[in-house]
PDB file of N, CA and C in Angstrom:
ATOM      1  N   MET A   1      45.177 -41.864 -92.374  1.00  0.00           N
ATOM      2  CA  MET A   1      46.006 -41.555 -93.521  1.00  0.00           C
ATOM      3  C   MET A   1      46.797 -42.717 -93.969  1.00  0.00           C
ATOM      4  N   GLY A   2      47.049 -42.803 -95.252  1.00  0.00           N
ATOM      5  CA  GLY A   2      47.919 -43.806 -95.758  1.00  0.00           C
ATOM      6  C   GLY A   2      49.105 -43.178 -96.442  1.00  0.00           C
ATOM      7  N   VAL A   3      50.147 -44.023 -96.720  1.00  0.00           N
ATOM      8  CA  VAL A   3      51.330 -43.560 -97.319  1.00  0.00           C
ATOM      9  C   VAL A   3      51.692 -44.521 -98.481  1.00  0.00           C
ATOM     10  N   THR A   4      51.919 -44.020 -99.654  1.00  0.00           N
ATOM     11  CA  THR A   4      52.308 -44.811-100.769  1.00  0.00           C
ATOM     12  C   THR A   4      53.729 -45.186-100.683  1.00  0.00           C
ATOM     13  N   ARG A   5      54.255 -46.215-101.516  1.00  0.00           N
ATOM     14  CA  ARG A   5      55.646 -46.588-101.482  1.00  0.00           C
ATOM     15  C   ARG A   5      56.602 -45.460-101.784  1.00  0.00           C
ATOM     16  N   THR A   6      56.076 -44.471-102.482  1.00  0.00           N
ATOM     17  CA  THR A   6      56.898 -43.356-102.884  1.00  0.00           C
ATOM     18  C   THR A   6      56.895 -42.231-101.800  1.00  0.00           C
ATOM     19  N   GLY A   7      56.124 -42.463-100.713  1.00  0.00           N
ATOM     20  CA  GLY A   7      56.078 -41.525 -99.529  1.00  0.00           C
ATOM     21  C   GLY A   7      54.955 -40.475 -99.618  1.00  0.00           C
ATOM     22  N   ARG A   8      54.182 -40.666-100.626  1.00  0.00           N
ATOM     23  CA  ARG A   8      53.041 -39.618-100.730  1.00  0.00           C
ATOM     24  C   ARG A   8      51.963 -40.000 -99.761  1.00  0.00           C
ATOM     25  N   HIS A   9      51.461 -38.974 -98.946  1.00  0.00           N
ATOM     26  CA  HIS A   9      50.370 -39.221 -97.992  1.00  0.00           C
ATOM     27  C   HIS A   9      49.114 -38.959 -98.674  1.00  0.00           C
ATOM     28  N   TYR A  10      48.053 -39.767 -98.346  1.00  0.00           N
ATOM     29  CA  TYR A  10      46.749 -39.572 -98.855  1.00  0.00           C
ATOM     30  C   TYR A  10      45.671 -40.000 -97.776  1.00  0.00           C
ATOM     31  N   ALA A  11      44.500 -39.487 -97.909  1.00  0.00           N
ATOM     32  CA  ALA A  11      43.428 -39.786 -97.052  1.00  0.00           C
ATOM     33  C   ALA A  11      42.807 -41.060 -97.488  1.00  0.00           C
ATOM     34  N   LYS A  12      42.648 -42.014 -96.514  1.00  0.00           N
ATOM     35  CA  LYS A  12      41.908 -43.332 -96.822  1.00  0.00           C
ATOM     36  C   LYS A  12      40.486 -42.954 -97.146  1.00  0.00           C
ATOM     37  N   PRO A  13      39.843 -43.801 -97.921  1.00  0.00           N
ATOM     38  CA  PRO A  13      38.460 -43.546 -98.394  1.00  0.00           C
ATOM     39  C   PRO A  13      37.460 -43.345 -97.229  1.00  0.00           C
ATOM     40  N   THR A  14      37.564 -44.050 -96.142  1.00  0.00           N
ATOM     41  CA  THR A  14      36.664 -43.911 -95.084  1.00  0.00           C
ATOM     42  C   THR A  14      36.850 -42.599 -94.384  1.00  0.00           C
ATOM     43  N   PHE A  15      38.062 -42.215 -94.237  1.00  0.00           N
ATOM     44  CA  PHE A  15      38.381 -40.812 -93.572  1.00  0.00           C
ATOM     45  C   PHE A  15      37.854 -39.712 -94.558  1.00  0.00           C
ATOM     46  N   ALA A  16      38.162 -39.892 -95.863  1.00  0.00           N
ATOM     47  CA  ALA A  16      37.800 -38.844 -96.755  1.00  0.00           C
ATOM     48  C   ALA A  16      36.265 -38.638 -96.739  1.00  0.00           C
ATOM     49  N   ARG A  17      35.504 -39.728 -96.683  1.00  0.00           N
ATOM     50  CA  ARG A  17      33.982 -39.572 -96.775  1.00  0.00           C
ATOM     51  C   ARG A  17      33.561 -38.951 -95.467  1.00  0.00           C
ATOM     52  N   TRP A  18      34.159 -39.271 -94.317  1.00  0.00           N
ATOM     53  CA  TRP A  18      33.720 -38.674 -93.049  1.00  0.00           C
ATOM     54  C   TRP A  18      34.129 -37.182 -93.079  1.00  0.00           C
ATOM     55  N   ARG A  19      35.328 -36.886 -93.502  1.00  0.00           N
ATOM     56  CA  ARG A  19      35.825 -35.475 -93.589  1.00  0.00           C
ATOM     57  C   ARG A  19      34.926 -34.625 -94.458  1.00  0.00           C
ATOM     58  N   ASP A  20      34.618 -35.111 -95.688  1.00  0.00           N
ATOM     59  CA  ASP A  20      33.810 -34.328 -96.573  1.00  0.00           C
ATOM     60  C   ASP A  20      32.366 -34.064 -96.063  1.00  0.00           C
ATOM     61  N   ASP A  21      31.911 -35.126 -95.343  1.00  0.00           N
ATOM     62  CA  ASP A  21      30.516 -34.993 -94.679  1.00  0.00           C
ATOM     63  C   ASP A  21      30.600 -33.923 -93.569  1.00  0.00           C
ATOM     64  N   ALA A  22      31.670 -33.931 -92.812  1.00  0.00           N
ATOM     65  CA  ALA A  22      31.801 -32.973 -91.764  1.00  0.00           C
ATOM     66  C   ALA A  22      31.967 -31.578 -92.363  1.00  0.00           C
ATOM     67  N   VAL A  23      32.714 -31.380 -93.440  1.00  0.00           N
ATOM     68  CA  VAL A  23      32.832 -30.082 -93.986  1.00  0.00           C
ATOM     69  C   VAL A  23      31.463 -29.580 -94.440  1.00  0.00           C
ATOM     70  N   ARG A  24      30.696 -30.422 -95.050  1.00  0.00           N
ATOM     71  CA  ARG A  24      29.303 -30.050 -95.469  1.00  0.00           C
ATOM     72  C   ARG A  24      28.435 -29.573 -94.351  1.00  0.00           C
ATOM     73  N   GLN A  25      28.636 -30.260 -93.240  1.00  0.00           N
ATOM     74  CA  GLN A  25      27.829 -29.810 -91.983  1.00  0.00           C
ATOM     75  C   GLN A  25      28.284 -28.491 -91.459  1.00  0.00           C
ATOM     76  N   ILE A  26      29.565 -28.263 -91.571  1.00  0.00           N
ATOM     77  CA  ILE A  26      30.118 -26.970 -91.002  1.00  0.00           C
ATOM     78  C   ILE A  26      29.723 -25.695 -91.763  1.00  0.00           C
ATOM     79  N   HIS A  27      29.793 -25.812 -93.112  1.00  0.00           N
ATOM     80  CA  HIS A  27      29.535 -24.663 -93.979  1.00  0.00           C
ATOM     81  C   HIS A  27      28.209 -23.882 -93.619  1.00  0.00           C
ATOM     82  N   PRO A  28      27.074 -24.557 -93.492  1.00  0.00           N
ATOM     83  CA  PRO A  28      25.861 -23.762 -93.097  1.00  0.00           C
ATOM     84  C   PRO A  28      25.950 -23.121 -91.762  1.00  0.00           C
ATOM     85  N   GLN A  29      26.842 -23.588 -90.875  1.00  0.00           N
ATOM     86  CA  GLN A  29      26.868 -22.999 -89.538  1.00  0.00           C
ATOM     87  C   GLN A  29      27.744 -21.716 -89.441  1.00  0.00           C
ATOM     88  N   LEU A  30      28.543 -21.423 -90.507  1.00  0.00           N
ATOM     89  CA  LEU A  30      29.322 -20.269 -90.505  1.00  0.00           C
ATOM     90  C   LEU A  30      28.563 -18.983 -90.869  1.00  0.00           C
ATOM     91  N   PRO A  31      28.789 -17.927 -90.060  1.00  0.00           N
ATOM     92  CA  PRO A  31      28.063 -16.681 -90.383  1.00  0.00           C
ATOM     93  C   PRO A  31      28.528 -16.060 -91.763  1.00  0.00           C
ATOM     94  N   PHE A  32      27.745 -15.380 -92.434  1.00  0.00           N
ATOM     95  CA  PHE A  32      28.035 -14.753 -93.760  1.00  0.00           C
ATOM     96  C   PHE A  32      28.321 -13.351 -93.452  1.00  0.00           C
ATOM     97  N   PRO A  33      29.360 -12.729 -94.039  1.00  0.00           N
ATOM     98  CA  PRO A  33      30.500 -13.399 -94.579  1.00  0.00           C
ATOM     99  C   PRO A  33      31.576 -13.953 -93.564  1.00  0.00           C
ATOM    100  N   TRP A  34      32.163 -15.040 -93.868  1.00  0.00           N
ATOM    101  CA  TRP A  34      33.081 -15.651 -92.977  1.00  0.00           C
ATOM    102  C   TRP A  34      34.484 -15.429 -93.527  1.00  0.00           C
ATOM    103  N   THR A  35      35.401 -15.005 -92.595  1.00  0.00           N
ATOM    104  CA  THR A  35      36.782 -14.943 -92.953  1.00  0.00           C
ATOM    105  C   THR A  35      37.562 -16.002 -92.047  1.00  0.00           C
ATOM    106  N   ALA A  36      38.402 -16.783 -92.637  1.00  0.00           N
ATOM    107  CA  ALA A  36      39.053 -17.789 -91.893  1.00  0.00           C
ATOM    108  C   ALA A  36      39.868 -17.247 -90.749  1.00  0.00           C
ATOM    109  N   ILE A  37      39.977 -17.869 -89.631  1.00  0.00           N
ATOM    110  CA  ILE A  37      40.782 -17.469 -88.504  1.00  0.00           C
ATOM    111  C   ILE A  37      42.291 -17.554 -88.910  1.00  0.00           C
ATOM    112  N   ALA A  38      42.900 -16.434 -88.722  1.00  0.00           N
ATOM    113  CA  ALA A  38      44.310 -16.445 -89.200  1.00  0.00           C
ATOM    114  C   ALA A  38      45.302 -16.030 -88.037  1.00  0.00           C
ATOM    115  N   VAL A  39      44.868 -16.168 -86.798  1.00  0.00           N
ATOM    116  CA  VAL A  39      45.716 -15.845 -85.677  1.00  0.00           C
ATOM    117  C   VAL A  39      45.644 -17.055 -84.744  1.00  0.00           C
ATOM    118  N   PRO A  40      46.558 -17.256 -83.858  1.00  0.00           N
ATOM    119  CA  PRO A  40      46.515 -18.323 -82.934  1.00  0.00           C
ATOM    120  C   PRO A  40      45.239 -18.248 -82.021  1.00  0.00           C
ATOM    121  N   CYS A  41      44.589 -19.374 -81.711  1.00  0.00           N
ATOM    122  CA  CYS A  41      43.363 -19.414 -81.024  1.00  0.00           C
ATOM    123  C   CYS A  41      43.279 -20.571 -80.184  1.00  0.00           C
ATOM    124  N   ASN A  42      42.834 -20.328 -78.897  1.00  0.00           N
ATOM    125  CA  ASN A  42      42.590 -21.452 -78.037  1.00  0.00           C
ATOM    126  C   ASN A  42      41.185 -22.013 -78.233  1.00  0.00           C
ATOM    127  N   VAL A  43      41.017 -23.328 -78.141  1.00  0.00           N
ATOM    128  CA  VAL A  43      39.825 -23.910 -78.429  1.00  0.00           C
ATOM    129  C   VAL A  43      39.340 -24.867 -77.383  1.00  0.00           C
ATOM    130  N   ARG A  44      38.059 -24.957 -77.138  1.00  0.00           N
ATOM    131  CA  ARG A  44      37.440 -26.051 -76.305  1.00  0.00           C
ATOM    132  C   ARG A  44      36.752 -27.061 -77.331  1.00  0.00           C
ATOM    133  N   LEU A  45      36.961 -28.322 -77.066  1.00  0.00           N
ATOM    134  CA  LEU A  45      36.408 -29.397 -77.906  1.00  0.00           C
ATOM    135  C   LEU A  45      35.592 -30.286 -76.951  1.00  0.00           C
ATOM    136  N   ASP A  46      34.320 -30.386 -77.252  1.00  0.00           N
ATOM    137  CA  ASP A  46      33.452 -31.325 -76.505  1.00  0.00           C
ATOM    138  C   ASP A  46      33.093 -32.422 -77.536  1.00  0.00           C
ATOM    139  N   TYR A  47      33.621 -33.619 -77.313  1.00  0.00           N
ATOM    140  CA  TYR A  47      33.491 -34.760 -78.205  1.00  0.00           C
ATOM    141  C   TYR A  47      32.527 -35.768 -77.688  1.00  0.00           C
ATOM    142  N   VAL A  48      31.629 -36.223 -78.489  1.00  0.00           N
ATOM    143  CA  VAL A  48      30.645 -37.205 -78.179  1.00  0.00           C
ATOM    144  C   VAL A  48      30.748 -38.316 -79.137  1.00  0.00           C
ATOM    145  N   ALA A  49      31.173 -39.483 -78.721  1.00  0.00           N
ATOM    146  CA  ALA A  49      31.345 -40.617 -79.693  1.00  0.00           C
ATOM    147  C   ALA A  49      30.036 -41.310 -79.841  1.00  0.00           C
ATOM    148  N   GLY A  50      29.856 -41.913 -80.928  1.00  0.00           N
ATOM    149  CA  GLY A  50      28.580 -42.717 -81.211  1.00  0.00           C
ATOM    150  C   GLY A  50      28.779 -44.186 -80.911  1.00  0.00           C
ATOM    151  N   ASP A  51      29.973 -44.647 -80.505  1.00  0.00           N
ATOM    152  CA  ASP A  51      30.179 -45.999 -80.084  1.00  0.00           C
ATOM    153  C   ASP A  51      31.250 -45.970 -78.998  1.00  0.00           C
ATOM    154  N   LYS A  52      31.496 -47.128 -78.466  1.00  0.00           N
ATOM    155  CA  LYS A  52      32.419 -47.245 -77.325  1.00  0.00           C
ATOM    156  C   LYS A  52      33.810 -47.743 -77.703  1.00  0.00           C
ATOM    157  N   ARG A  53      34.233 -47.599 -78.920  1.00  0.00           N
ATOM    158  CA  ARG A  53      35.558 -47.917 -79.439  1.00  0.00           C
ATOM    159  C   ARG A  53      36.562 -47.045 -78.766  1.00  0.00           C
ATOM    160  N   ARG A  54      37.759 -47.576 -78.542  1.00  0.00           N
ATOM    161  CA  ARG A  54      38.847 -46.712 -77.882  1.00  0.00           C
ATOM    162  C   ARG A  54      39.290 -45.686 -78.948  1.00  0.00           C
ATOM    163  N   ARG A  55      39.556 -44.535 -78.501  1.00  0.00           N
ATOM    164  CA  ARG A  55      40.125 -43.453 -79.330  1.00  0.00           C
ATOM    165  C   ARG A  55      41.219 -42.741 -78.540  1.00  0.00           C
ATOM    166  N   ASP A  56      42.165 -42.194 -79.197  1.00  0.00           N
ATOM    167  CA  ASP A  56      43.115 -41.355 -78.437  1.00  0.00           C
ATOM    168  C   ASP A  56      42.906 -40.002 -78.877  1.00  0.00           C
ATOM    169  N   MET A  57      43.047 -39.048 -77.914  1.00  0.00           N
ATOM    170  CA  MET A  57      42.765 -37.679 -78.087  1.00  0.00           C
ATOM    171  C   MET A  57      43.591 -36.919 -79.185  1.00  0.00           C
ATOM    172  N   PRO A  58      44.813 -37.246 -79.318  1.00  0.00           N
ATOM    173  CA  PRO A  58      45.539 -36.569 -80.432  1.00  0.00           C
ATOM    174  C   PRO A  58      45.010 -36.897 -81.794  1.00  0.00           C
ATOM    175  N   ALA A  59      44.569 -38.167 -81.955  1.00  0.00           N
ATOM    176  CA  ALA A  59      44.029 -38.513 -83.296  1.00  0.00           C
ATOM    177  C   ALA A  59      42.677 -37.801 -83.576  1.00  0.00           C
ATOM    178  N   VAL A  60      41.854 -37.758 -82.540  1.00  0.00           N
ATOM    179  CA  VAL A  60      40.551 -37.001 -82.648  1.00  0.00           C
ATOM    180  C   VAL A  60      40.824 -35.563 -82.981  1.00  0.00           C
ATOM    181  N   LEU A  61      41.776 -34.902 -82.227  1.00  0.00           N
ATOM    182  CA  LEU A  61      42.052 -33.440 -82.445  1.00  0.00           C
ATOM    183  C   LEU A  61      42.574 -33.271 -83.865  1.00  0.00           C
ATOM    184  N   ASP A  62      43.538 -34.155 -84.283  1.00  0.00           N
ATOM    185  CA  ASP A  62      44.126 -34.052 -85.627  1.00  0.00           C
ATOM    186  C   ASP A  62      42.964 -34.063 -86.697  1.00  0.00           C
ATOM    187  N   ALA A  63      42.077 -35.043 -86.589  1.00  0.00           N
ATOM    188  CA  ALA A  63      40.985 -35.133 -87.547  1.00  0.00           C
ATOM    189  C   ALA A  63      40.119 -33.905 -87.578  1.00  0.00           C
ATOM    190  N   VAL A  64      39.699 -33.523 -86.399  1.00  0.00           N
ATOM    191  CA  VAL A  64      38.812 -32.310 -86.238  1.00  0.00           C
ATOM    192  C   VAL A  64      39.485 -31.061 -86.812  1.00  0.00           C
ATOM    193  N   TRP A  65      40.827 -30.879 -86.434  1.00  0.00           N
ATOM    194  CA  TRP A  65      41.602 -29.677 -86.926  1.00  0.00           C
ATOM    195  C   TRP A  65      41.652 -29.724 -88.522  1.00  0.00           C
ATOM    196  N   HIS A  66      41.914 -30.846 -89.101  1.00  0.00           N
ATOM    197  CA  HIS A  66      42.002 -30.941 -90.549  1.00  0.00           C
ATOM    198  C   HIS A  66      40.662 -30.596 -91.171  1.00  0.00           C
ATOM    199  N   VAL A  67      39.501 -30.928 -90.611  1.00  0.00           N
ATOM    200  CA  VAL A  67      38.232 -30.668 -91.094  1.00  0.00           C
ATOM    201  C   VAL A  67      38.060 -29.130 -90.986  1.00  0.00           C
ATOM    202  N   LEU A  68      38.376 -28.516 -89.875  1.00  0.00           N
ATOM    203  CA  LEU A  68      38.176 -27.079 -89.761  1.00  0.00           C
ATOM    204  C   LEU A  68      38.988 -26.297 -90.835  1.00  0.00           C
ATOM    205  N   GLU A  69      40.239 -26.761 -91.065  1.00  0.00           N
ATOM    206  CA  GLU A  69      41.040 -26.156 -92.131  1.00  0.00           C
ATOM    207  C   GLU A  69      40.448 -26.371 -93.504  1.00  0.00           C
ATOM    208  N   LYS A  70      40.011 -27.573 -93.796  1.00  0.00           N
ATOM    209  CA  LYS A  70      39.382 -27.822 -95.111  1.00  0.00           C
ATOM    210  C   LYS A  70      38.106 -27.054 -95.314  1.00  0.00           C
ATOM    211  N   ALA A  71      37.407 -26.844 -94.212  1.00  0.00           N
ATOM    212  CA  ALA A  71      36.084 -26.111 -94.358  1.00  0.00           C
ATOM    213  C   ALA A  71      36.334 -24.581 -94.415  1.00  0.00           C
ATOM    214  N   GLY A  72      37.588 -24.169 -94.187  1.00  0.00           N
ATOM    215  CA  GLY A  72      37.821 -22.710 -94.300  1.00  0.00           C
ATOM    216  C   GLY A  72      37.583 -22.010 -92.949  1.00  0.00           C
ATOM    217  N   VAL A  73      37.389 -22.684 -91.917  1.00  0.00           N
ATOM    218  CA  VAL A  73      37.178 -22.102 -90.567  1.00  0.00           C
ATOM    219  C   VAL A  73      38.461 -21.392 -90.055  1.00  0.00           C
ATOM    220  N   VAL A  74      39.528 -22.113 -90.331  1.00  0.00           N
ATOM    221  CA  VAL A  74      40.895 -21.606 -89.954  1.00  0.00           C
ATOM    222  C   VAL A  74      41.805 -21.677 -91.169  1.00  0.00           C
ATOM    223  N   ALA A  75      42.673 -20.679 -91.285  1.00  0.00           N
ATOM    224  CA  ALA A  75      43.591 -20.689 -92.393  1.00  0.00           C
ATOM    225  C   ALA A  75      44.623 -21.815 -92.319  1.00  0.00           C
ATOM    226  N   ASP A  76      45.052 -22.127 -91.158  1.00  0.00           N
ATOM    227  CA  ASP A  76      46.081 -23.181 -90.877  1.00  0.00           C
ATOM    228  C   ASP A  76      45.762 -23.873 -89.593  1.00  0.00           C
ATOM    229  N   ASP A  77      45.604 -25.192 -89.608  1.00  0.00           N
ATOM    230  CA  ASP A  77      45.166 -25.816 -88.333  1.00  0.00           C
ATOM    231  C   ASP A  77      46.254 -25.760 -87.228  1.00  0.00           C
ATOM    232  N   THR A  78      47.494 -25.372 -87.595  1.00  0.00           N
ATOM    233  CA  THR A  78      48.511 -25.184 -86.506  1.00  0.00           C
ATOM    234  C   THR A  78      48.278 -23.950 -85.601  1.00  0.00           C
ATOM    235  N   LEU A  79      47.223 -23.152 -86.033  1.00  0.00           N
ATOM    236  CA  LEU A  79      46.859 -21.953 -85.238  1.00  0.00           C
ATOM    237  C   LEU A  79      45.944 -22.365 -84.033  1.00  0.00           C
ATOM    238  N   LEU A  80      45.391 -23.652 -84.047  1.00  0.00           N
ATOM    239  CA  LEU A  80      44.492 -24.009 -83.013  1.00  0.00           C
ATOM    240  C   LEU A  80      45.157 -24.824 -81.944  1.00  0.00           C
ATOM    241  N   TRP A  81      44.824 -24.502 -80.714  1.00  0.00           N
ATOM    242  CA  TRP A  81      45.355 -25.106 -79.554  1.00  0.00           C
ATOM    243  C   TRP A  81      44.263 -25.534 -78.662  1.00  0.00           C
ATOM    244  N   ALA A  82      44.113 -26.839 -78.348  1.00  0.00           N
ATOM    245  CA  ALA A  82      43.109 -27.243 -77.454  1.00  0.00           C
ATOM    246  C   ALA A  82      43.485 -26.999 -75.996  1.00  0.00           C
ATOM    247  N   VAL A  83      42.736 -26.168 -75.298  1.00  0.00           N
ATOM    248  CA  VAL A  83      43.042 -25.909 -73.886  1.00  0.00           C
ATOM    249  C   VAL A  83      42.034 -26.461 -72.913  1.00  0.00           C
ATOM    250  N   GLN A  84      40.895 -26.852 -73.518  1.00  0.00           N
ATOM    251  CA  GLN A  84      39.864 -27.549 -72.675  1.00  0.00           C
ATOM    252  C   GLN A  84      39.167 -28.583 -73.555  1.00  0.00           C
ATOM    253  N   SER A  85      38.769 -29.717 -72.969  1.00  0.00           N
ATOM    254  CA  SER A  85      38.109 -30.747 -73.716  1.00  0.00           C
ATOM    255  C   SER A  85      37.234 -31.541 -72.803  1.00  0.00           C
ATOM    256  N   SER A  86      36.279 -32.228 -73.383  1.00  0.00           N
ATOM    257  CA  SER A  86      35.494 -33.224 -72.656  1.00  0.00           C
ATOM    258  C   SER A  86      35.172 -34.345 -73.675  1.00  0.00           C
ATOM    259  N   ARG A  87      34.813 -35.526 -73.176  1.00  0.00           N
ATOM    260  CA  ARG A  87      34.444 -36.584 -74.042  1.00  0.00           C
ATOM    261  C   ARG A  87      33.243 -37.307 -73.376  1.00  0.00           C
ATOM    262  N   GLY A  88      32.460 -37.856 -74.302  1.00  0.00           N
ATOM    263  CA  GLY A  88      31.273 -38.555 -73.862  1.00  0.00           C
ATOM    264  C   GLY A  88      30.838 -39.609 -74.883  1.00  0.00           C
ATOM    265  N   TYR A  89      29.730 -40.250 -74.580  1.00  0.00           N
ATOM    266  CA  TYR A  89      29.167 -41.248 -75.454  1.00  0.00           C
ATOM    267  C   TYR A  89      27.657 -41.094 -75.537  1.00  0.00           C
ATOM    268  N   ASP A  90      27.188 -41.069 -76.781  1.00  0.00           N
ATOM    269  CA  ASP A  90      25.703 -40.962 -76.986  1.00  0.00           C
ATOM    270  C   ASP A  90      25.455 -41.749 -78.407  1.00  0.00           C
ATOM    271  N   LYS A  91      25.018 -42.916 -78.365  1.00  0.00           N
ATOM    272  CA  LYS A  91      24.773 -43.640 -79.662  1.00  0.00           C
ATOM    273  C   LYS A  91      23.858 -42.865 -80.529  1.00  0.00           C
ATOM    274  N   ALA A  92      22.818 -42.147 -79.945  1.00  0.00           N
ATOM    275  CA  ALA A  92      21.741 -41.572 -80.677  1.00  0.00           C
ATOM    276  C   ALA A  92      22.210 -40.153 -81.173  1.00  0.00           C
ATOM    277  N   ALA A  93      23.154 -39.546 -80.564  1.00  0.00           N
ATOM    278  CA  ALA A  93      23.537 -38.152 -80.940  1.00  0.00           C
ATOM    279  C   ALA A  93      24.993 -37.853 -80.843  1.00  0.00           C
ATOM    280  N   PRO A  94      25.830 -38.591 -81.659  1.00  0.00           N
ATOM    281  CA  PRO A  94      27.278 -38.443 -81.670  1.00  0.00           C
ATOM    282  C   PRO A  94      27.579 -36.927 -82.234  1.00  0.00           C
ATOM    283  N   GLY A  95      28.632 -36.415 -81.961  1.00  0.00           N
ATOM    284  CA  GLY A  95      28.969 -35.069 -82.566  1.00  0.00           C
ATOM    285  C   GLY A  95      30.157 -34.491 -81.777  1.00  0.00           C
ATOM    286  N   CYS A  96      30.298 -33.240 -82.213  1.00  0.00           N
ATOM    287  CA  CYS A  96      31.423 -32.453 -81.632  1.00  0.00           C
ATOM    288  C   CYS A  96      31.088 -31.028 -81.578  1.00  0.00           C
ATOM    289  N   THR A  97      31.261 -30.394 -80.430  1.00  0.00           N
ATOM    290  CA  THR A  97      31.012 -29.014 -80.275  1.00  0.00           C
ATOM    291  C   THR A  97      32.371 -28.286 -80.096  1.00  0.00           C
ATOM    292  N   ILE A  98      32.601 -27.336 -80.931  1.00  0.00           N
ATOM    293  CA  ILE A  98      33.867 -26.596 -80.897  1.00  0.00           C
ATOM    294  C   ILE A  98      33.608 -25.222 -80.468  1.00  0.00           C
ATOM    295  N   THR A  99      34.391 -24.724 -79.467  1.00  0.00           N
ATOM    296  CA  THR A  99      34.168 -23.367 -79.026  1.00  0.00           C
ATOM    297  C   THR A  99      35.525 -22.630 -79.106  1.00  0.00           C
ATOM    298  N   PHE A 100      35.548 -21.445 -79.860  1.00  0.00           N
ATOM    299  CA  PHE A 100      36.789 -20.720 -79.918  1.00  0.00           C
ATOM    300  C   PHE A 100      36.799 -19.779 -78.809  1.00  0.00           C
ATOM    301  N   LEU A 101      37.900 -19.732 -78.011  1.00  0.00           N
ATOM    302  CA  LEU A 101      37.920 -19.086 -76.753  1.00  0.00           C
ATOM    303  C   LEU A 101      38.625 -17.680 -76.877  1.00  0.00           C
ATOM    304  N   ASP A 102      39.363 -17.436 -77.916  1.00  0.00           N
ATOM    305  CA  ASP A 102      40.066 -16.133 -78.224  1.00  0.00           C
ATOM    306  C   ASP A 102      39.534 -15.581 -79.518  1.00  0.00           C
TER     307      ASP A 102
END
């Protein structure tokens, strides 16, 4: 995220492209009809990076939670709480598996 001199927050172009692509991948996976989660929910996140760059977990969670909110999976990303997680590396098959536990 970036911040203008006036304090306005905006998505940097690389993040915005990644986010929009992730949202497009999520929509076909939602059952029809889908209603956004509107209650607190525990989540398991299995993250597989496509490269070996250093990442911090809070940043990964923040990005994934924002994608889930933008895709309409959850009404507000503050309702999600990561209670289990794993991380891995696979250059050929990076991705993220999200399991809602409640």
